[in-house]
Amino acid sequence: KGVTDAEKYTIGFALPKDYNISIKDQLEIESRY
């Protein structure tokens, strides 16, 4: 669960597509990479 139970992996350092998060918080997390 949460590791190999999907059709494909997330892109690189991206957060999972179905994860509910604000745009600002997503940018703050992913921008570091």
PDB file of all heavy atoms in Angstrom:
ATOM      1  N   LYS A   1       0.825  -1.203   0.000  1.00  0.00           N
ATOM      2  CA  LYS A   1       0.000   0.000   0.000  1.00  0.00           C
ATOM      3  C   LYS A   1       0.866   1.263   0.000  1.00  0.00           C
ATOM      4  O   LYS A   1       1.758   1.412   0.829  1.00  0.00           O
ATOM      5  CB  LYS A   1      -0.926   0.013   1.210  1.00  0.00           C
ATOM      6  CG  LYS A   1      -1.917   1.170   1.192  1.00  0.00           C
ATOM      7  CD  LYS A   1      -2.878   1.092   2.369  1.00  0.00           C
ATOM      8  CE  LYS A   1      -3.872   2.247   2.321  1.00  0.00           C
ATOM      9  NZ  LYS A   1      -4.815   2.203   3.461  1.00  0.00           N
ATOM     10  N   GLY A   2       0.572   2.135  -0.960  1.00  0.00           N
ATOM     11  CA  GLY A   2       1.292   3.396  -1.049  1.00  0.00           C
ATOM     12  C   GLY A   2       2.656   3.290  -1.689  1.00  0.00           C
ATOM     13  O   GLY A   2       3.344   4.285  -1.847  1.00  0.00           O
ATOM     14  N   VAL A   3       3.050   2.059  -2.053  1.00  0.00           N
ATOM     15  CA  VAL A   3       4.380   1.860  -2.623  1.00  0.00           C
ATOM     16  C   VAL A   3       4.286   1.219  -4.014  1.00  0.00           C
ATOM     17  O   VAL A   3       4.698   1.806  -5.013  1.00  0.00           O
ATOM     18  CB  VAL A   3       5.269   0.998  -1.706  1.00  0.00           C
ATOM     19  CG1 VAL A   3       6.675   0.857  -2.300  1.00  0.00           C
ATOM     20  CG2 VAL A   3       5.350   1.604  -0.313  1.00  0.00           C
ATOM     21  N   THR A   4       3.702   0.015  -4.068  1.00  0.00           N
ATOM     22  CA  THR A   4       3.627  -0.684  -5.359  1.00  0.00           C
ATOM     23  C   THR A   4       2.196  -1.088  -5.705  1.00  0.00           C
ATOM     24  O   THR A   4       1.974  -2.071  -6.411  1.00  0.00           O
ATOM     25  CB  THR A   4       4.513  -1.939  -5.349  1.00  0.00           C
ATOM     26  OG1 THR A   4       4.126  -2.769  -4.243  1.00  0.00           O
ATOM     27  CG2 THR A   4       5.974  -1.584  -5.246  1.00  0.00           C
ATOM     28  N   ASP A   5       1.222  -0.342  -5.205  1.00  0.00           N
ATOM     29  CA  ASP A   5      -0.175  -0.699  -5.458  1.00  0.00           C
ATOM     30  C   ASP A   5      -0.827   0.174  -6.526  1.00  0.00           C
ATOM     31  O   ASP A   5      -2.046   0.147  -6.698  1.00  0.00           O
ATOM     32  CB  ASP A   5      -0.988  -0.632  -4.163  1.00  0.00           C
ATOM     33  CG  ASP A   5      -0.963   0.750  -3.523  1.00  0.00           C
ATOM     34  OD1 ASP A   5      -0.105   1.574  -3.920  1.00  0.00           O
ATOM     35  OD2 ASP A   5      -1.794   1.008  -2.640  1.00  0.00           O
ATOM     36  N   ALA A   6      -0.033   0.957  -7.254  1.00  0.00           N
ATOM     37  CA  ALA A   6      -0.566   1.811  -8.320  1.00  0.00           C
ATOM     38  C   ALA A   6      -0.110   1.290  -9.678  1.00  0.00           C
ATOM     39  O   ALA A   6       0.625   0.306  -9.773  1.00  0.00           O
ATOM     40  CB  ALA A   6      -0.102   3.256  -8.114  1.00  0.00           C
ATOM     41  N   GLU A   7      -0.535   1.961 -10.737  1.00  0.00           N
ATOM     42  CA  GLU A   7      -0.141   1.564 -12.088  1.00  0.00           C
ATOM     43  C   GLU A   7       1.273   2.029 -12.421  1.00  0.00           C
ATOM     44  O   GLU A   7       1.964   1.419 -13.232  1.00  0.00           O
ATOM     45  CB  GLU A   7      -1.128   2.129 -13.114  1.00  0.00           C
ATOM     46  CG  GLU A   7      -2.517   1.513 -13.045  1.00  0.00           C
ATOM     47  CD  GLU A   7      -2.485   0.009 -13.276  1.00  0.00           C
ATOM     48  OE1 GLU A   7      -1.810  -0.427 -14.229  1.00  0.00           O
ATOM     49  OE2 GLU A   7      -3.118  -0.732 -12.499  1.00  0.00           O
ATOM     50  N   LYS A   8       1.699   3.120 -11.803  1.00  0.00           N
ATOM     51  CA  LYS A   8       3.021   3.653 -12.078  1.00  0.00           C
ATOM     52  C   LYS A   8       3.505   4.475 -10.892  1.00  0.00           C
ATOM     53  O   LYS A   8       2.717   4.881 -10.031  1.00  0.00           O
ATOM     54  CB  LYS A   8       3.005   4.519 -13.337  1.00  0.00           C
ATOM     55  CG  LYS A   8       2.010   5.671 -13.291  1.00  0.00           C
ATOM     56  CD  LYS A   8       1.954   6.386 -14.637  1.00  0.00           C
ATOM     57  CE  LYS A   8       0.928   7.521 -14.602  1.00  0.00           C
ATOM     58  NZ  LYS A   8       0.825   8.200 -15.911  1.00  0.00           N
ATOM     59  N   TYR A   9       4.800   4.706 -10.846  1.00  0.00           N
ATOM     60  CA  TYR A   9       5.378   5.531  -9.789  1.00  0.00           C
ATOM     61  C   TYR A   9       5.073   7.006 -10.036  1.00  0.00           C
ATOM     62  O   TYR A   9       4.729   7.405 -11.151  1.00  0.00           O
ATOM     63  CB  TYR A   9       6.895   5.334  -9.725  1.00  0.00           C
ATOM     64  CG  TYR A   9       7.322   4.056  -9.047  1.00  0.00           C
ATOM     65  CD1 TYR A   9       7.959   3.037  -9.757  1.00  0.00           C
ATOM     66  CD2 TYR A   9       7.093   3.864  -7.692  1.00  0.00           C
ATOM     67  CE1 TYR A   9       8.356   1.861  -9.138  1.00  0.00           C
ATOM     68  CE2 TYR A   9       7.488   2.696  -7.063  1.00  0.00           C
ATOM     69  CZ  TYR A   9       8.116   1.702  -7.785  1.00  0.00           C
ATOM     70  OH  TYR A   9       8.491   0.543  -7.157  1.00  0.00           O
ATOM     71  N   THR A  10       5.215   7.801  -8.984  1.00  0.00           N
ATOM     72  CA  THR A  10       5.115   9.246  -9.176  1.00  0.00           C
ATOM     73  C   THR A  10       6.342   9.735  -9.938  1.00  0.00           C
ATOM     74  O   THR A  10       7.407   9.114  -9.917  1.00  0.00           O
ATOM     75  CB  THR A  10       5.038   9.991  -7.832  1.00  0.00           C
ATOM     76  OG1 THR A  10       6.161   9.624  -7.029  1.00  0.00           O
ATOM     77  CG2 THR A  10       3.763   9.662  -7.099  1.00  0.00           C
ATOM     78  N   ILE A  11       6.188  10.857 -10.598  1.00  0.00           N
ATOM     79  CA  ILE A  11       7.284  11.454 -11.351  1.00  0.00           C
ATOM     80  C   ILE A  11       8.327  11.990 -10.370  1.00  0.00           C
ATOM     81  O   ILE A  11       8.014  12.805  -9.506  1.00  0.00           O
ATOM     82  CB  ILE A  11       6.777  12.605 -12.230  1.00  0.00           C
ATOM     83  CG1 ILE A  11       5.835  12.070 -13.304  1.00  0.00           C
ATOM     84  CG2 ILE A  11       7.936  13.367 -12.858  1.00  0.00           C
ATOM     85  CD1 ILE A  11       5.121  13.157 -14.080  1.00  0.00           C
ATOM     86  N   GLY A  12       9.563  11.532 -10.501  1.00  0.00           N
ATOM     87  CA  GLY A  12      10.680  12.089  -9.734  1.00  0.00           C
ATOM     88  C   GLY A  12      10.365  12.361  -8.280  1.00  0.00           C
ATOM     89  O   GLY A  12      10.056  11.464  -7.499  1.00  0.00           O
ATOM     90  N   PHE A  13      10.435  13.649  -7.924  1.00  0.00           N
ATOM     91  CA  PHE A  13      10.204  14.074  -6.538  1.00  0.00           C
ATOM     92  C   PHE A  13       8.782  14.571  -6.309  1.00  0.00           C
ATOM     93  O   PHE A  13       8.467  15.121  -5.248  1.00  0.00           O
ATOM     94  CB  PHE A  13      11.193  15.182  -6.147  1.00  0.00           C
ATOM     95  CG  PHE A  13      11.212  16.348  -7.111  1.00  0.00           C
ATOM     96  CD1 PHE A  13      10.166  17.250  -7.186  1.00  0.00           C
ATOM     97  CD2 PHE A  13      12.292  16.525  -7.957  1.00  0.00           C
ATOM     98  CE1 PHE A  13      10.193  18.320  -8.062  1.00  0.00           C
ATOM     99  CE2 PHE A  13      12.338  17.588  -8.843  1.00  0.00           C
ATOM    100  CZ  PHE A  13      11.276  18.487  -8.893  1.00  0.00           C
ATOM    101  N   ALA A  14       7.897  14.400  -7.284  1.00  0.00           N
ATOM    102  CA  ALA A  14       6.543  14.926  -7.176  1.00  0.00           C
ATOM    103  C   ALA A  14       5.767  14.265  -6.040  1.00  0.00           C
ATOM    104  O   ALA A  14       6.008  13.110  -5.688  1.00  0.00           O
ATOM    105  CB  ALA A  14       5.792  14.725  -8.488  1.00  0.00           C
ATOM    106  N   LEU A  15       4.827  15.010  -5.493  1.00  0.00           N
ATOM    107  CA  LEU A  15       3.895  14.436  -4.535  1.00  0.00           C
ATOM    108  C   LEU A  15       2.865  13.598  -5.285  1.00  0.00           C
ATOM    109  O   LEU A  15       2.583  13.863  -6.458  1.00  0.00           O
ATOM    110  CB  LEU A  15       3.184  15.553  -3.758  1.00  0.00           C
ATOM    111  CG  LEU A  15       4.078  16.394  -2.844  1.00  0.00           C
ATOM    112  CD1 LEU A  15       3.307  17.604  -2.333  1.00  0.00           C
ATOM    113  CD2 LEU A  15       4.608  15.569  -1.691  1.00  0.00           C
ATOM    114  N   PRO A  16       2.288  12.582  -4.653  1.00  0.00           N
ATOM    115  CA  PRO A  16       1.258  11.773  -5.323  1.00  0.00           C
ATOM    116  C   PRO A  16       0.120  12.642  -5.847  1.00  0.00           C
ATOM    117  O   PRO A  16      -0.303  13.596  -5.182  1.00  0.00           O
ATOM    118  CB  PRO A  16       0.782  10.830  -4.221  1.00  0.00           C
ATOM    119  CG  PRO A  16       1.944  10.721  -3.293  1.00  0.00           C
ATOM    120  CD  PRO A  16       2.586  12.077  -3.296  1.00  0.00           C
ATOM    121  N   LYS A  17      -0.410  12.304  -7.018  1.00  0.00           N
ATOM    122  CA  LYS A  17      -1.440  13.122  -7.657  1.00  0.00           C
ATOM    123  C   LYS A  17      -2.711  13.215  -6.825  1.00  0.00           C
ATOM    124  O   LYS A  17      -3.413  14.226  -6.866  1.00  0.00           O
ATOM    125  CB  LYS A  17      -1.769  12.556  -9.045  1.00  0.00           C
ATOM    126  CG  LYS A  17      -0.672  12.754 -10.067  1.00  0.00           C
ATOM    127  CD  LYS A  17      -1.068  12.218 -11.414  1.00  0.00           C
ATOM    128  CE  LYS A  17      -2.214  13.006 -12.016  1.00  0.00           C
ATOM    129  NZ  LYS A  17      -2.545  12.557 -13.393  1.00  0.00           N
ATOM    130  N   ASP A  18      -3.028  12.167  -6.078  1.00  0.00           N
ATOM    131  CA  ASP A  18      -4.268  12.161  -5.314  1.00  0.00           C
ATOM    132  C   ASP A  18      -4.104  12.742  -3.907  1.00  0.00           C
ATOM    133  O   ASP A  18      -5.038  12.704  -3.100  1.00  0.00           O
ATOM    134  CB  ASP A  18      -4.840  10.744  -5.220  1.00  0.00           C
ATOM    135  CG  ASP A  18      -3.865   9.768  -4.550  1.00  0.00           C
ATOM    136  OD1 ASP A  18      -2.708  10.168  -4.272  1.00  0.00           O
ATOM    137  OD2 ASP A  18      -4.256   8.607  -4.319  1.00  0.00           O
ATOM    138  N   TYR A  19      -2.930  13.284  -3.618  1.00  0.00           N
ATOM    139  CA  TYR A  19      -2.706  13.847  -2.283  1.00  0.00           C
ATOM    140  C   TYR A  19      -3.268  15.261  -2.236  1.00  0.00           C
ATOM    141  O   TYR A  19      -2.935  16.115  -3.056  1.00  0.00           O
ATOM    142  CB  TYR A  19      -1.218  13.858  -1.956  1.00  0.00           C
ATOM    143  CG  TYR A  19      -0.901  14.407  -0.587  1.00  0.00           C
ATOM    144  CD1 TYR A  19      -1.391  13.776   0.559  1.00  0.00           C
ATOM    145  CD2 TYR A  19      -0.118  15.545  -0.427  1.00  0.00           C
ATOM    146  CE1 TYR A  19      -1.116  14.269   1.820  1.00  0.00           C
ATOM    147  CE2 TYR A  19       0.177  16.042   0.828  1.00  0.00           C
ATOM    148  CZ  TYR A  19      -0.337  15.403   1.952  1.00  0.00           C
ATOM    149  OH  TYR A  19      -0.057  15.896   3.204  1.00  0.00           O
ATOM    150  N   ASN A  20      -4.136  15.522  -1.268  1.00  0.00           N
ATOM    151  CA  ASN A  20      -4.806  16.818  -1.144  1.00  0.00           C
ATOM    152  C   ASN A  20      -3.906  17.807  -0.410  1.00  0.00           C
ATOM    153  O   ASN A  20      -3.609  17.626   0.768  1.00  0.00           O
ATOM    154  CB  ASN A  20      -6.133  16.648  -0.392  1.00  0.00           C
ATOM    155  CG  ASN A  20      -6.960  17.928  -0.398  1.00  0.00           C
ATOM    156  OD1 ASN A  20      -6.745  18.811  -1.230  1.00  0.00           O
ATOM    157  ND2 ASN A  20      -7.903  18.016   0.514  1.00  0.00           N
ATOM    158  N   ILE A  21      -3.473  18.833  -1.123  1.00  0.00           N
ATOM    159  CA  ILE A  21      -2.560  19.819  -0.551  1.00  0.00           C
ATOM    160  C   ILE A  21      -2.749  21.149  -1.271  1.00  0.00           C
ATOM    161  O   ILE A  21      -3.135  21.170  -2.450  1.00  0.00           O
ATOM    162  CB  ILE A  21      -1.092  19.338  -0.684  1.00  0.00           C
ATOM    163  CG1 ILE A  21      -0.148  20.235   0.116  1.00  0.00           C
ATOM    164  CG2 ILE A  21      -0.676  19.224  -2.133  1.00  0.00           C
ATOM    165  CD1 ILE A  21       1.280  19.708   0.186  1.00  0.00           C
ATOM    166  N   SER A  22      -2.517  22.247  -0.574  1.00  0.00           N
ATOM    167  CA  SER A  22      -2.654  23.557  -1.217  1.00  0.00           C
ATOM    168  C   SER A  22      -1.531  23.762  -2.223  1.00  0.00           C
ATOM    169  O   SER A  22      -0.459  23.146  -2.126  1.00  0.00           O
ATOM    170  CB  SER A  22      -2.614  24.665  -0.158  1.00  0.00           C
ATOM    171  OG  SER A  22      -1.300  24.806   0.366  1.00  0.00           O
ATOM    172  N   ILE A  23      -1.787  24.637  -3.186  1.00  0.00           N
ATOM    173  CA  ILE A  23      -0.777  24.926  -4.205  1.00  0.00           C
ATOM    174  C   ILE A  23       0.487  25.473  -3.560  1.00  0.00           C
ATOM    175  O   ILE A  23       1.606  25.079  -3.897  1.00  0.00           O
ATOM    176  CB  ILE A  23      -1.330  25.917  -5.243  1.00  0.00           C
ATOM    177  CG1 ILE A  23      -2.439  25.259  -6.063  1.00  0.00           C
ATOM    178  CG2 ILE A  23      -0.225  26.436  -6.155  1.00  0.00           C
ATOM    179  CD1 ILE A  23      -3.136  26.199  -7.022  1.00  0.00           C
ATOM    180  N   LYS A  24       0.321  26.375  -2.607  1.00  0.00           N
ATOM    181  CA  LYS A  24       1.477  26.986  -1.950  1.00  0.00           C
ATOM    182  C   LYS A  24       2.319  25.950  -1.222  1.00  0.00           C
ATOM    183  O   LYS A  24       3.556  25.952  -1.321  1.00  0.00           O
ATOM    184  CB  LYS A  24       1.022  28.073  -0.978  1.00  0.00           C
ATOM    185  CG  LYS A  24       2.178  28.841  -0.338  1.00  0.00           C
ATOM    186  CD  LYS A  24       1.672  29.984   0.529  1.00  0.00           C
ATOM    187  CE  LYS A  24       2.843  30.747   1.140  1.00  0.00           C
ATOM    188  NZ  LYS A  24       2.379  31.879   1.995  1.00  0.00           N
ATOM    189  N   ASP A  25       1.658  25.053  -0.508  1.00  0.00           N
ATOM    190  CA  ASP A  25       2.394  24.026   0.230  1.00  0.00           C
ATOM    191  C   ASP A  25       3.092  23.058  -0.721  1.00  0.00           C
ATOM    192  O   ASP A  25       4.223  22.618  -0.466  1.00  0.00           O
ATOM    193  CB  ASP A  25       1.453  23.256   1.155  1.00  0.00           C
ATOM    194  CG  ASP A  25       1.012  24.087   2.357  1.00  0.00           C
ATOM    195  OD1 ASP A  25       1.658  25.118   2.637  1.00  0.00           O
ATOM    196  OD2 ASP A  25       0.012  23.712   3.000  1.00  0.00           O
ATOM    197  N   GLN A  26       2.423  22.711  -1.822  1.00  0.00           N
ATOM    198  CA  GLN A  26       3.052  21.829  -2.802  1.00  0.00           C
ATOM    199  C   GLN A  26       4.310  22.464  -3.385  1.00  0.00           C
ATOM    200  O   GLN A  26       5.353  21.814  -3.504  1.00  0.00           O
ATOM    201  CB  GLN A  26       2.080  21.498  -3.937  1.00  0.00           C
ATOM    202  CG  GLN A  26       2.704  20.583  -4.999  1.00  0.00           C
ATOM    203  CD  GLN A  26       1.801  20.360  -6.203  1.00  0.00           C
ATOM    204  OE1 GLN A  26       0.610  20.675  -6.166  1.00  0.00           O
ATOM    205  NE2 GLN A  26       2.362  19.833  -7.278  1.00  0.00           N
ATOM    206  N   LEU A  27       4.205  23.739  -3.728  1.00  0.00           N
ATOM    207  CA  LEU A  27       5.355  24.435  -4.304  1.00  0.00           C
ATOM    208  C   LEU A  27       6.492  24.542  -3.295  1.00  0.00           C
ATOM    209  O   LEU A  27       7.666  24.407  -3.646  1.00  0.00           O
ATOM    210  CB  LEU A  27       4.948  25.826  -4.793  1.00  0.00           C
ATOM    211  CG  LEU A  27       4.034  25.870  -6.019  1.00  0.00           C
ATOM    212  CD1 LEU A  27       3.570  27.295  -6.288  1.00  0.00           C
ATOM    213  CD2 LEU A  27       4.758  25.319  -7.241  1.00  0.00           C
ATOM    214  N   GLU A  28       6.145  24.802  -2.041  1.00  0.00           N
ATOM    215  CA  GLU A  28       7.173  24.917  -1.006  1.00  0.00           C
ATOM    216  C   GLU A  28       7.946  23.610  -0.857  1.00  0.00           C
ATOM    217  O   GLU A  28       9.175  23.605  -0.707  1.00  0.00           O
ATOM    218  CB  GLU A  28       6.536  25.303   0.322  1.00  0.00           C
ATOM    219  CG  GLU A  28       7.557  25.528   1.428  1.00  0.00           C
ATOM    220  CD  GLU A  28       6.934  26.043   2.706  1.00  0.00           C
ATOM    221  OE1 GLU A  28       5.690  26.105   2.794  1.00  0.00           O
ATOM    222  OE2 GLU A  28       7.693  26.377   3.627  1.00  0.00           O
ATOM    223  N   ILE A  29       7.224  22.477  -0.933  1.00  0.00           N
ATOM    224  CA  ILE A  29       7.867  21.167  -0.779  1.00  0.00           C
ATOM    225  C   ILE A  29       8.692  20.815  -2.012  1.00  0.00           C
ATOM    226  O   ILE A  29       9.871  20.452  -1.916  1.00  0.00           O
ATOM    227  CB  ILE A  29       6.806  20.083  -0.516  1.00  0.00           C
ATOM    228  CG1 ILE A  29       6.183  20.279   0.871  1.00  0.00           C
ATOM    229  CG2 ILE A  29       7.424  18.682  -0.624  1.00  0.00           C
ATOM    230  CD1 ILE A  29       4.951  19.437   1.115  1.00  0.00           C
ATOM    231  N   GLU A  30       8.103  20.907  -3.192  1.00  0.00           N
ATOM    232  CA  GLU A  30       8.762  20.435  -4.407  1.00  0.00           C
ATOM    233  C   GLU A  30       9.862  21.376  -4.887  1.00  0.00           C
ATOM    234  O   GLU A  30      10.817  20.937  -5.534  1.00  0.00           O
ATOM    235  CB  GLU A  30       7.726  20.222  -5.513  1.00  0.00           C
ATOM    236  CG  GLU A  30       6.760  19.090  -5.216  1.00  0.00           C
ATOM    237  CD  GLU A  30       5.859  18.751  -6.386  1.00  0.00           C
ATOM    238  OE1 GLU A  30       6.126  19.221  -7.513  1.00  0.00           O
ATOM    239  OE2 GLU A  30       4.864  18.022  -6.185  1.00  0.00           O
ATOM    240  N   SER A  31       9.745  22.669  -4.579  1.00  0.00           N
ATOM    241  CA  SER A  31      10.746  23.638  -5.072  1.00  0.00           C
ATOM    242  C   SER A  31      12.142  23.335  -4.541  1.00  0.00           C
ATOM    243  O   SER A  31      13.146  23.635  -5.201  1.00  0.00           O
ATOM    244  CB  SER A  31      10.352  25.056  -4.675  1.00  0.00           C
ATOM    245  OG  SER A  31      10.361  25.212  -3.254  1.00  0.00           O
ATOM    246  N   ARG A  32      12.221  22.713  -3.366  1.00  0.00           N
ATOM    247  CA  ARG A  32      13.525  22.422  -2.765  1.00  0.00           C
ATOM    248  C   ARG A  32      14.349  21.466  -3.629  1.00  0.00           C
ATOM    249  O   ARG A  32      15.583  21.449  -3.553  1.00  0.00           O
ATOM    250  CB  ARG A  32      13.330  21.801  -1.371  1.00  0.00           C
ATOM    251  CG  ARG A  32      12.559  22.675  -0.387  1.00  0.00           C
ATOM    252  CD  ARG A  32      13.431  23.796   0.156  1.00  0.00           C
ATOM    253  NE  ARG A  32      14.609  23.288   0.817  1.00  0.00           N
ATOM    254  CZ  ARG A  32      14.635  22.855   2.074  1.00  0.00           C
ATOM    255  NH1 ARG A  32      13.519  22.833   2.789  1.00  0.00           N
ATOM    256  NH2 ARG A  32      15.761  22.436   2.618  1.00  0.00           N
ATOM    257  N   TYR A  33      13.665  20.677  -4.461  1.00  0.00           N
ATOM    258  CA  TYR A  33      14.349  19.675  -5.286  1.00  0.00           C
ATOM    259  C   TYR A  33      14.783  20.226  -6.641  1.00  0.00           C
ATOM    260  O   TYR A  33      15.625  19.619  -7.303  1.00  0.00           O
ATOM    261  CB  TYR A  33      13.448  18.458  -5.482  1.00  0.00           C
ATOM    262  CG  TYR A  33      13.083  17.764  -4.201  1.00  0.00           C
ATOM    263  CD1 TYR A  33      11.936  18.100  -3.490  1.00  0.00           C
ATOM    264  CD2 TYR A  33      13.907  16.772  -3.663  1.00  0.00           C
ATOM    265  CE1 TYR A  33      11.602  17.479  -2.299  1.00  0.00           C
ATOM    266  CE2 TYR A  33      13.585  16.143  -2.471  1.00  0.00           C
ATOM    267  CZ  TYR A  33      12.429  16.503  -1.789  1.00  0.00           C
ATOM    268  OH  TYR A  33      12.123  15.880  -0.608  1.00  0.00           O
TER     269      TYR A  33
END
